Amino acid sequence: MSMKRSKAKSSGGRQSETDDSSYFAKPKEPEKTWAEHMEGKADTAFVPYAMTTRYAKGQLLQHSKFGKGVVVHVDPQRIEVLFEDGPKKLGHAA
């Protein structure tokens, strides 16, 4: 009686030779630094940060601990704010 062995499956899949989605995608803009975001902005343009407020990308914030910042990414319950010391994730109203 002979036993039949199955072929071992390969662990990786082949990637397509051309990725059409990246070919037609807009080129990404280089991310701005904190200094470039703050250039020419008046102190009156900054709103005080409050967790109960909803924020949009590009909005300028004044945080009590981290200082001045700009919203660079928005999720349903979190925002990523770029401060002089680096990016921080903060909560905001849903």
PDB file of N, CA and C in Angstrom:
ATOM      1  N   MET A   1       0.828  -1.154   0.000  1.00  0.00           N
ATOM      2  CA  MET A   1       0.000   0.000   0.000  1.00  0.00           C
ATOM      3  C   MET A   1       0.893   1.245   0.000  1.00  0.00           C
ATOM      4  N   SER A   2       0.658   2.168  -0.907  1.00  0.00           N
ATOM      5  CA  SER A   2       1.477   3.369  -0.988  1.00  0.00           C
ATOM      6  C   SER A   2       0.674   4.569  -0.472  1.00  0.00           C
ATOM      7  N   MET A   3       1.363   5.476   0.157  1.00  0.00           N
ATOM      8  CA  MET A   3       0.712   6.691   0.669  1.00  0.00           C
ATOM      9  C   MET A   3       1.050   7.843  -0.262  1.00  0.00           C
ATOM     10  N   LYS A   4       0.064   8.626  -0.555  1.00  0.00           N
ATOM     11  CA  LYS A   4       0.249   9.766  -1.430  1.00  0.00           C
ATOM     12  C   LYS A   4       0.535  11.002  -0.579  1.00  0.00           C
ATOM     13  N   ARG A   5       1.573  11.711  -0.904  1.00  0.00           N
ATOM     14  CA  ARG A   5       1.898  12.926  -0.166  1.00  0.00           C
ATOM     15  C   ARG A   5       1.414  14.139  -0.941  1.00  0.00           C
ATOM     16  N   SER A   6       0.890  15.099  -0.184  1.00  0.00           N
ATOM     17  CA  SER A   6       0.448  16.333  -0.842  1.00  0.00           C
ATOM     18  C   SER A   6       1.620  17.293  -0.946  1.00  0.00           C
ATOM     19  N   LYS A   7       1.526  18.206  -1.905  1.00  0.00           N
ATOM     20  CA  LYS A   7       2.587  19.187  -2.089  1.00  0.00           C
ATOM     21  C   LYS A   7       2.541  20.207  -0.954  1.00  0.00           C
ATOM     22  N   ALA A   8       3.675  20.667  -0.551  1.00  0.00           N
ATOM     23  CA  ALA A   8       3.751  21.708   0.469  1.00  0.00           C
ATOM     24  C   ALA A   8       3.326  23.027  -0.160  1.00  0.00           C
ATOM     25  N   LYS A   9       2.510  23.757   0.574  1.00  0.00           N
ATOM     26  CA  LYS A   9       2.060  25.056   0.079  1.00  0.00           C
ATOM     27  C   LYS A   9       3.139  26.096   0.326  1.00  0.00           C
ATOM     28  N   SER A  10       3.267  26.994  -0.616  1.00  0.00           N
ATOM     29  CA  SER A  10       4.247  28.062  -0.432  1.00  0.00           C
ATOM     30  C   SER A  10       3.662  29.104   0.514  1.00  0.00           C
ATOM     31  N   SER A  11       4.512  29.762   1.265  1.00  0.00           N
ATOM     32  CA  SER A  11       4.034  30.714   2.261  1.00  0.00           C
ATOM     33  C   SER A  11       3.726  32.087   1.676  1.00  0.00           C
ATOM     34  N   GLY A  12       4.342  32.446   0.594  1.00  0.00           N
ATOM     35  CA  GLY A  12       4.137  33.780   0.042  1.00  0.00           C
ATOM     36  C   GLY A  12       3.394  33.743  -1.278  1.00  0.00           C
ATOM     37  N   GLY A  13       2.586  34.738  -1.472  1.00  0.00           N
ATOM     38  CA  GLY A  13       1.886  34.850  -2.749  1.00  0.00           C
ATOM     39  C   GLY A  13       2.671  35.727  -3.692  1.00  0.00           C
ATOM     40  N   ARG A  14       2.464  35.548  -4.958  1.00  0.00           N
ATOM     41  CA  ARG A  14       3.150  36.382  -5.938  1.00  0.00           C
ATOM     42  C   ARG A  14       2.487  37.747  -5.984  1.00  0.00           C
ATOM     43  N   GLN A  15       3.298  38.755  -6.065  1.00  0.00           N
ATOM     44  CA  GLN A  15       2.772  40.093  -6.245  1.00  0.00           C
ATOM     45  C   GLN A  15       2.632  40.333  -7.736  1.00  0.00           C
ATOM     46  N   SER A  16       1.625  41.109  -8.076  1.00  0.00           N
ATOM     47  CA  SER A  16       1.429  41.392  -9.489  1.00  0.00           C
ATOM     48  C   SER A  16       2.605  42.215 -10.003  1.00  0.00           C
ATOM     49  N   GLU A  17       2.909  42.036 -11.266  1.00  0.00           N
ATOM     50  CA  GLU A  17       4.053  42.723 -11.848  1.00  0.00           C
ATOM     51  C   GLU A  17       3.850  44.231 -11.897  1.00  0.00           C
ATOM     52  N   THR A  18       2.622  44.675 -12.156  1.00  0.00           N
ATOM     53  CA  THR A  18       2.334  46.103 -12.168  1.00  0.00           C
ATOM     54  C   THR A  18       1.179  46.377 -11.229  1.00  0.00           C
ATOM     55  N   ASP A  19       1.314  47.428 -10.465  1.00  0.00           N
ATOM     56  CA  ASP A  19       0.268  47.829  -9.539  1.00  0.00           C
ATOM     57  C   ASP A  19      -0.429  49.043 -10.138  1.00  0.00           C
ATOM     58  N   ASP A  20      -1.583  48.823 -10.780  1.00  0.00           N
ATOM     59  CA  ASP A  20      -2.290  49.896 -11.471  1.00  0.00           C
ATOM     60  C   ASP A  20      -2.760  50.991 -10.526  1.00  0.00           C
ATOM     61  N   SER A  21      -3.109  50.641  -9.274  1.00  0.00           N
ATOM     62  CA  SER A  21      -3.631  51.651  -8.365  1.00  0.00           C
ATOM     63  C   SER A  21      -2.568  52.696  -8.022  1.00  0.00           C
ATOM     64  N   SER A  22      -1.300  52.306  -7.882  1.00  0.00           N
ATOM     65  CA  SER A  22      -0.260  53.279  -7.569  1.00  0.00           C
ATOM     66  C   SER A  22       0.148  54.069  -8.817  1.00  0.00           C
ATOM     67  N   TYR A  23      -0.044  53.495  -9.988  1.00  0.00           N
ATOM     68  CA  TYR A  23       0.317  54.177 -11.228  1.00  0.00           C
ATOM     69  C   TYR A  23      -0.572  55.398 -11.452  1.00  0.00           C
ATOM     70  N   PHE A  24      -1.874  55.262 -11.159  1.00  0.00           N
ATOM     71  CA  PHE A  24      -2.821  56.336 -11.405  1.00  0.00           C
ATOM     72  C   PHE A  24      -3.028  57.235 -10.188  1.00  0.00           C
ATOM     73  N   ALA A  25      -2.467  56.883  -9.046  1.00  0.00           N
ATOM     74  CA  ALA A  25      -2.658  57.667  -7.826  1.00  0.00           C
ATOM     75  C   ALA A  25      -1.901  58.988  -7.925  1.00  0.00           C
ATOM     76  N   LYS A  26      -2.464  60.005  -7.234  1.00  0.00           N
ATOM     77  CA  LYS A  26      -1.801  61.294  -7.187  1.00  0.00           C
ATOM     78  C   LYS A  26      -0.517  61.154  -6.378  1.00  0.00           C
ATOM     79  N   PRO A  27       0.533  61.817  -6.782  1.00  0.00           N
ATOM     80  CA  PRO A  27       1.755  61.751  -5.971  1.00  0.00           C
ATOM     81  C   PRO A  27       1.510  62.406  -4.621  1.00  0.00           C
ATOM     82  N   LYS A  28       2.063  61.799  -3.580  1.00  0.00           N
ATOM     83  CA  LYS A  28       1.867  62.335  -2.240  1.00  0.00           C
ATOM     84  C   LYS A  28       2.662  63.616  -2.071  1.00  0.00           C
ATOM     85  N   GLU A  29       2.014  64.576  -1.392  1.00  0.00           N
ATOM     86  CA  GLU A  29       2.706  65.813  -1.089  1.00  0.00           C
ATOM     87  C   GLU A  29       3.668  65.557   0.067  1.00  0.00           C
ATOM     88  N   PRO A  30       4.828  66.152   0.033  1.00  0.00           N
ATOM     89  CA  PRO A  30       5.738  65.982   1.176  1.00  0.00           C
ATOM     90  C   PRO A  30       5.111  66.617   2.416  1.00  0.00           C
ATOM     91  N   GLU A  31       5.241  65.939   3.550  1.00  0.00           N
ATOM     92  CA  GLU A  31       4.645  66.448   4.774  1.00  0.00           C
ATOM     93  C   GLU A  31       5.403  67.682   5.243  1.00  0.00           C
ATOM     94  N   LYS A  32       4.639  68.669   5.702  1.00  0.00           N
ATOM     95  CA  LYS A  32       5.230  69.902   6.191  1.00  0.00           C
ATOM     96  C   LYS A  32       5.761  69.710   7.606  1.00  0.00           C
ATOM     97  N   THR A  33       6.757  70.487   7.928  1.00  0.00           N
ATOM     98  CA  THR A  33       7.277  70.482   9.290  1.00  0.00           C
ATOM     99  C   THR A  33       6.411  71.384  10.157  1.00  0.00           C
ATOM    100  N   TRP A  34       6.625  71.315  11.476  1.00  0.00           N
ATOM    101  CA  TRP A  34       5.861  72.154  12.396  1.00  0.00           C
ATOM    102  C   TRP A  34       6.103  73.628  12.080  1.00  0.00           C
ATOM    103  N   ALA A  35       7.355  73.999  11.818  1.00  0.00           N
ATOM    104  CA  ALA A  35       7.702  75.395  11.532  1.00  0.00           C
ATOM    105  C   ALA A  35       7.000  75.890  10.269  1.00  0.00           C
ATOM    106  N   GLU A  36       6.896  75.049   9.262  1.00  0.00           N
ATOM    107  CA  GLU A  36       6.217  75.443   8.020  1.00  0.00           C
ATOM    108  C   GLU A  36       4.729  75.655   8.257  1.00  0.00           C
ATOM    109  N   HIS A  37       4.104  74.842   9.113  1.00  0.00           N
ATOM    110  CA  HIS A  37       2.691  75.014   9.446  1.00  0.00           C
ATOM    111  C   HIS A  37       2.457  76.309  10.222  1.00  0.00           C
ATOM    112  N   MET A  38       3.385  76.670  11.095  1.00  0.00           N
ATOM    113  CA  MET A  38       3.205  77.827  11.978  1.00  0.00           C
ATOM    114  C   MET A  38       3.576  79.156  11.319  1.00  0.00           C
ATOM    115  N   GLU A  39       4.277  79.094  10.210  1.00  0.00           N
ATOM    116  CA  GLU A  39       4.768  80.298   9.548  1.00  0.00           C
ATOM    117  C   GLU A  39       3.626  81.237   9.171  1.00  0.00           C
ATOM    118  N   GLY A  40       3.688  82.465   9.678  1.00  0.00           N
ATOM    119  CA  GLY A  40       2.713  83.494   9.336  1.00  0.00           C
ATOM    120  C   GLY A  40       1.366  83.360  10.025  1.00  0.00           C
ATOM    121  N   LYS A  41       1.232  82.489  11.010  1.00  0.00           N
ATOM    122  CA  LYS A  41      -0.052  82.304  11.708  1.00  0.00           C
ATOM    123  C   LYS A  41      -0.092  83.211  12.937  1.00  0.00           C
ATOM    124  N   ALA A  42      -1.187  83.946  13.078  1.00  0.00           N
ATOM    125  CA  ALA A  42      -1.372  84.830  14.237  1.00  0.00           C
ATOM    126  C   ALA A  42      -1.830  84.019  15.440  1.00  0.00           C
ATOM    127  N   ASP A  43      -1.552  84.518  16.638  1.00  0.00           N
ATOM    128  CA  ASP A  43      -1.965  83.833  17.862  1.00  0.00           C
ATOM    129  C   ASP A  43      -3.481  83.692  17.954  1.00  0.00           C
ATOM    130  N   THR A  44      -4.214  84.574  17.316  1.00  0.00           N
ATOM    131  CA  THR A  44      -5.682  84.516  17.355  1.00  0.00           C
ATOM    132  C   THR A  44      -6.237  83.375  16.500  1.00  0.00           C
ATOM    133  N   ALA A  45      -5.413  82.785  15.638  1.00  0.00           N
ATOM    134  CA  ALA A  45      -5.868  81.688  14.771  1.00  0.00           C
ATOM    135  C   ALA A  45      -5.952  80.360  15.518  1.00  0.00           C
ATOM    136  N   PHE A  46      -5.350  80.275  16.699  1.00  0.00           N
ATOM    137  CA  PHE A  46      -5.303  79.035  17.468  1.00  0.00           C
ATOM    138  C   PHE A  46      -6.491  78.963  18.422  1.00  0.00           C
ATOM    139  N   VAL A  47      -7.148  77.796  18.433  1.00  0.00           N
ATOM    140  CA  VAL A  47      -8.270  77.585  19.353  1.00  0.00           C
ATOM    141  C   VAL A  47      -7.778  76.712  20.507  1.00  0.00           C
ATOM    142  N   PRO A  48      -8.284  76.957  21.725  1.00  0.00           N
ATOM    143  CA  PRO A  48      -7.873  76.117  22.848  1.00  0.00           C
ATOM    144  C   PRO A  48      -8.358  74.679  22.659  1.00  0.00           C
ATOM    145  N   TYR A  49      -7.496  73.712  22.991  1.00  0.00           N
ATOM    146  CA  TYR A  49      -7.861  72.304  22.849  1.00  0.00           C
ATOM    147  C   TYR A  49      -8.832  71.901  23.952  1.00  0.00           C
ATOM    148  N   ALA A  50      -9.893  71.204  23.554  1.00  0.00           N
ATOM    149  CA  ALA A  50     -10.838  70.603  24.500  1.00  0.00           C
ATOM    150  C   ALA A  50     -11.252  69.261  23.914  1.00  0.00           C
ATOM    151  N   MET A  51     -11.258  68.235  24.745  1.00  0.00           N
ATOM    152  CA  MET A  51     -11.595  66.887  24.279  1.00  0.00           C
ATOM    153  C   MET A  51     -13.042  66.802  23.799  1.00  0.00           C
ATOM    154  N   THR A  52     -13.902  67.709  24.229  1.00  0.00           N
ATOM    155  CA  THR A  52     -15.320  67.687  23.856  1.00  0.00           C
ATOM    156  C   THR A  52     -15.603  68.398  22.537  1.00  0.00           C
ATOM    157  N   THR A  53     -14.568  68.928  21.904  1.00  0.00           N
ATOM    158  CA  THR A  53     -14.726  69.633  20.628  1.00  0.00           C
ATOM    159  C   THR A  53     -14.296  68.731  19.482  1.00  0.00           C
ATOM    160  N   ARG A  54     -14.966  68.879  18.338  1.00  0.00           N
ATOM    161  CA  ARG A  54     -14.613  68.117  17.130  1.00  0.00           C
ATOM    162  C   ARG A  54     -13.659  68.961  16.294  1.00  0.00           C
ATOM    163  N   TYR A  55     -12.593  68.341  15.789  1.00  0.00           N
ATOM    164  CA  TYR A  55     -11.575  69.052  15.024  1.00  0.00           C
ATOM    165  C   TYR A  55     -11.472  68.503  13.606  1.00  0.00           C
ATOM    166  N   ALA A  56     -10.963  69.340  12.703  1.00  0.00           N
ATOM    167  CA  ALA A  56     -10.782  68.963  11.300  1.00  0.00           C
ATOM    168  C   ALA A  56      -9.303  69.056  10.947  1.00  0.00           C
ATOM    169  N   LYS A  57      -8.919  68.366   9.886  1.00  0.00           N
ATOM    170  CA  LYS A  57      -7.526  68.384   9.420  1.00  0.00           C
ATOM    171  C   LYS A  57      -7.145  69.820   9.056  1.00  0.00           C
ATOM    172  N   GLY A  58      -5.971  70.222   9.503  1.00  0.00           N
ATOM    173  CA  GLY A  58      -5.475  71.563   9.211  1.00  0.00           C
ATOM    174  C   GLY A  58      -5.823  72.599  10.256  1.00  0.00           C
ATOM    175  N   GLN A  59      -6.655  72.252  11.238  1.00  0.00           N
ATOM    176  CA  GLN A  59      -7.060  73.199  12.268  1.00  0.00           C
ATOM    177  C   GLN A  59      -5.905  73.454  13.238  1.00  0.00           C
ATOM    178  N   LEU A  60      -5.769  74.683  13.672  1.00  0.00           N
ATOM    179  CA  LEU A  60      -4.709  75.080  14.586  1.00  0.00           C
ATOM    180  C   LEU A  60      -5.198  75.016  16.022  1.00  0.00           C
ATOM    181  N   LEU A  61      -4.389  74.413  16.908  1.00  0.00           N
ATOM    182  CA  LEU A  61      -4.770  74.219  18.304  1.00  0.00           C
ATOM    183  C   LEU A  61      -3.741  74.839  19.238  1.00  0.00           C
ATOM    184  N   GLN A  62      -4.215  75.215  20.429  1.00  0.00           N
ATOM    185  CA  GLN A  62      -3.341  75.636  21.523  1.00  0.00           C
ATOM    186  C   GLN A  62      -3.592  74.677  22.671  1.00  0.00           C
ATOM    187  N   HIS A  63      -2.616  73.831  22.977  1.00  0.00           N
ATOM    188  CA  HIS A  63      -2.741  72.834  24.039  1.00  0.00           C
ATOM    189  C   HIS A  63      -2.049  73.368  25.291  1.00  0.00           C
ATOM    190  N   SER A  64      -2.643  73.103  26.460  1.00  0.00           N
ATOM    191  CA  SER A  64      -2.086  73.637  27.706  1.00  0.00           C
ATOM    192  C   SER A  64      -0.711  73.060  28.038  1.00  0.00           C
ATOM    193  N   LYS A  65      -0.441  71.839  27.645  1.00  0.00           N
ATOM    194  CA  LYS A  65       0.844  71.198  27.964  1.00  0.00           C
ATOM    195  C   LYS A  65       1.819  71.218  26.779  1.00  0.00           C
ATOM    196  N   PHE A  66       1.323  70.936  25.567  1.00  0.00           N
ATOM    197  CA  PHE A  66       2.200  70.768  24.407  1.00  0.00           C
ATOM    198  C   PHE A  66       2.411  72.039  23.594  1.00  0.00           C
ATOM    199  N   GLY A  67       1.592  73.053  23.806  1.00  0.00           N
ATOM    200  CA  GLY A  67       1.748  74.316  23.083  1.00  0.00           C
ATOM    201  C   GLY A  67       0.942  74.351  21.795  1.00  0.00           C
ATOM    202  N   LYS A  68       1.470  75.073  20.821  1.00  0.00           N
ATOM    203  CA  LYS A  68       0.772  75.246  19.545  1.00  0.00           C
ATOM    204  C   LYS A  68       0.963  74.023  18.658  1.00  0.00           C
ATOM    205  N   GLY A  69      -0.115  73.665  17.944  1.00  0.00           N
ATOM    206  CA  GLY A  69      -0.048  72.520  17.053  1.00  0.00           C
ATOM    207  C   GLY A  69      -1.061  72.623  15.935  1.00  0.00           C
ATOM    208  N   VAL A  70      -0.939  71.712  14.978  1.00  0.00           N
ATOM    209  CA  VAL A  70      -1.849  71.653  13.839  1.00  0.00           C
ATOM    210  C   VAL A  70      -2.318  70.210  13.674  1.00  0.00           C
ATOM    211  N   VAL A  71      -3.619  70.042  13.380  1.00  0.00           N
ATOM    212  CA  VAL A  71      -4.195  68.712  13.182  1.00  0.00           C
ATOM    213  C   VAL A  71      -3.732  68.184  11.826  1.00  0.00           C
ATOM    214  N   VAL A  72      -3.062  67.019  11.822  1.00  0.00           N
ATOM    215  CA  VAL A  72      -2.545  66.454  10.578  1.00  0.00           C
ATOM    216  C   VAL A  72      -3.303  65.209  10.141  1.00  0.00           C
ATOM    217  N   HIS A  73      -4.058  64.568  11.059  1.00  0.00           N
ATOM    218  CA  HIS A  73      -4.823  63.374  10.706  1.00  0.00           C
ATOM    219  C   HIS A  73      -6.032  63.277  11.635  1.00  0.00           C
ATOM    220  N   VAL A  74      -7.193  62.892  11.068  1.00  0.00           N
ATOM    221  CA  VAL A  74      -8.422  62.800  11.855  1.00  0.00           C
ATOM    222  C   VAL A  74      -9.008  61.403  11.733  1.00  0.00           C
ATOM    223  N   ASP A  75      -9.286  60.777  12.866  1.00  0.00           N
ATOM    224  CA  ASP A  75     -10.025  59.515  12.975  1.00  0.00           C
ATOM    225  C   ASP A  75     -11.332  59.831  13.687  1.00  0.00           C
ATOM    226  N   PRO A  76     -12.278  58.883  13.700  1.00  0.00           N
ATOM    227  CA  PRO A  76     -13.557  59.168  14.361  1.00  0.00           C
ATOM    228  C   PRO A  76     -13.444  59.619  15.819  1.00  0.00           C
ATOM    229  N   GLN A  77     -12.515  59.060  16.581  1.00  0.00           N
ATOM    230  CA  GLN A  77     -12.418  59.440  17.992  1.00  0.00           C
ATOM    231  C   GLN A  77     -11.070  60.033  18.377  1.00  0.00           C
ATOM    232  N   ARG A  78     -10.124  60.079  17.447  1.00  0.00           N
ATOM    233  CA  ARG A  78      -8.789  60.602  17.740  1.00  0.00           C
ATOM    234  C   ARG A  78      -8.318  61.521  16.637  1.00  0.00           C
ATOM    235  N   ILE A  79      -7.429  62.409  17.027  1.00  0.00           N
ATOM    236  CA  ILE A  79      -6.759  63.268  16.059  1.00  0.00           C
ATOM    237  C   ILE A  79      -5.256  63.151  16.301  1.00  0.00           C
ATOM    238  N   GLU A  80      -4.496  63.345  15.257  1.00  0.00           N
ATOM    239  CA  GLU A  80      -3.037  63.412  15.402  1.00  0.00           C
ATOM    240  C   GLU A  80      -2.653  64.859  15.183  1.00  0.00           C
ATOM    241  N   VAL A  81      -1.991  65.420  16.185  1.00  0.00           N
ATOM    242  CA  VAL A  81      -1.622  66.830  16.155  1.00  0.00           C
ATOM    243  C   VAL A  81      -0.100  66.933  16.130  1.00  0.00           C
ATOM    244  N   LEU A  82       0.412  67.746  15.216  1.00  0.00           N
ATOM    245  CA  LEU A  82       1.848  67.967  15.113  1.00  0.00           C
ATOM    246  C   LEU A  82       2.208  69.167  15.978  1.00  0.00           C
ATOM    247  N   PHE A  83       2.988  68.907  17.035  1.00  0.00           N
ATOM    248  CA  PHE A  83       3.491  69.952  17.917  1.00  0.00           C
ATOM    249  C   PHE A  83       4.980  70.142  17.640  1.00  0.00           C
ATOM    250  N   GLU A  84       5.567  71.155  18.246  1.00  0.00           N
ATOM    251  CA  GLU A  84       6.995  71.422  18.045  1.00  0.00           C
ATOM    252  C   GLU A  84       7.841  70.232  18.495  1.00  0.00           C
ATOM    253  N   ASP A  85       7.415  69.540  19.555  1.00  0.00           N
ATOM    254  CA  ASP A  85       8.151  68.380  20.072  1.00  0.00           C
ATOM    255  C   ASP A  85       7.876  67.100  19.301  1.00  0.00           C
ATOM    256  N   GLY A  86       6.923  67.125  18.365  1.00  0.00           N
ATOM    257  CA  GLY A  86       6.588  65.935  17.589  1.00  0.00           C
ATOM    258  C   GLY A  86       5.095  65.677  17.607  1.00  0.00           C
ATOM    259  N   PRO A  87       4.641  64.659  16.866  1.00  0.00           N
ATOM    260  CA  PRO A  87       3.200  64.375  16.786  1.00  0.00           C
ATOM    261  C   PRO A  87       2.676  63.720  18.063  1.00  0.00           C
ATOM    262  N   LYS A  88       1.429  64.041  18.408  1.00  0.00           N
ATOM    263  CA  LYS A  88       0.744  63.454  19.565  1.00  0.00           C
ATOM    264  C   LYS A  88      -0.661  63.062  19.123  1.00  0.00           C
ATOM    265  N   LYS A  89      -1.164  61.957  19.675  1.00  0.00           N
ATOM    266  CA  LYS A  89      -2.536  61.542  19.412  1.00  0.00           C
ATOM    267  C   LYS A  89      -3.402  61.984  20.576  1.00  0.00           C
ATOM    268  N   LEU A  90      -4.476  62.696  20.250  1.00  0.00           N
ATOM    269  CA  LEU A  90      -5.377  63.232  21.254  1.00  0.00           C
ATOM    270  C   LEU A  90      -6.812  62.803  20.922  1.00  0.00           C
ATOM    271  N   GLY A  91      -7.663  62.768  21.923  1.00  0.00           N
ATOM    272  CA  GLY A  91      -9.074  62.466  21.703  1.00  0.00           C
ATOM    273  C   GLY A  91      -9.839  63.700  21.295  1.00  0.00           C
ATOM    274  N   HIS A  92     -10.968  63.473  20.620  1.00  0.00           N
ATOM    275  CA  HIS A  92     -11.880  64.555  20.309  1.00  0.00           C
ATOM    276  C   HIS A  92     -13.291  64.025  20.212  1.00  0.00           C
ATOM    277  N   ALA A  93     -14.278  64.900  20.175  1.00  0.00           N
ATOM    278  CA  ALA A  93     -15.687  64.509  20.192  1.00  0.00           C
ATOM    279  C   ALA A  93     -16.028  63.663  18.983  1.00  0.00           C
ATOM    280  N   ALA A  94     -16.848  62.655  19.218  1.00  0.00           N
ATOM    281  CA  ALA A  94     -17.254  61.757  18.126  1.00  0.00           C
ATOM    282  C   ALA A  94     -18.433  62.291  17.364  1.00  0.00           C
TER     283      ALA A  94
END
